[in-house]
Amino acid sequence: MKIDVKKLVLKISGKLIDPSRPDLFKKYVDVLRRIYEEGIKIAVITGGGVIARDYIKLCREISGNEGLCDMIGIEVSRLNALLLSFLLGDIAYRKVPESFKDLFDAWASDKIIILGGIQPGQSTSAVAAAVAEVLSADLLIYATVVEGVYNKDPREPGAVLLKEVNTNDLRKILSSQSFYAGGYELIDHVAINIIERSRINTYIINGFDPENILRILRGEKIGTKIIF
């Protein structure tokens, strides 16, 4: 059964789209264009990925200031956003929003909106949740490097993919996650809190295949759905 979606927020991990993965960039462009042609309004949030972490590591070694490290990561995430917007051409809003005021101005257009980080201390996962909240999005999708949420580290033997997970259990599963700049992985507690309070329809999927986004829109049961 197809999901009724008029407003979609998509968070793409920086580990998926960076200059080392040009083919994946192109696949996301194709999928986003197809969704846009269906008349769905789209906001995309890009992570900083490996390049951001390299810069953050250097910044931390030199300054030890986590706020400055976050600012470095934000700038890299915005570069990924800018590149994706260029590849989308005239269906993308060309300026990368740097604040929620910028976001509202951009959302008034009929273009795909693409942004990276917003402020120090807030991961792009949290930004995605906040964007979905303020735009009253019908659907929030996290495109990650794993199939979804597992009951434990997916690299460990016996890890089981969860088709659904409630917010309390998700917090417990992610309790050991790092909250230093560049340390945010799947999703963080700030994002979970926002998703929970506004009961945002949210899925976590494997983003190595951008077609998974279309599968979610068609109502197929893939990845992990966050429930309340």
Foldseek 3Di string as FASTA:
>chain_A
DFDDFQEEEEEEELQQFDPVCVVLLVLLLVVVVVVLVVNHAYEYEYFLPPVLVVQLVVCCVVPVDLQVSQVSRQVSSQVSQQVSQVSNPPQADNDADQAVVSVVVRSVDSHYHYYYDHGGLAHSLLVSLVVCLVVVGQEYEYAAQDAADWLEPPVDPPTDFALEDELVSVCVRCVPFDSGRVRDHQHDPSSSVSCVVRVHWYFYGHSNNVCVVVCVSHVHRTYYTYGD
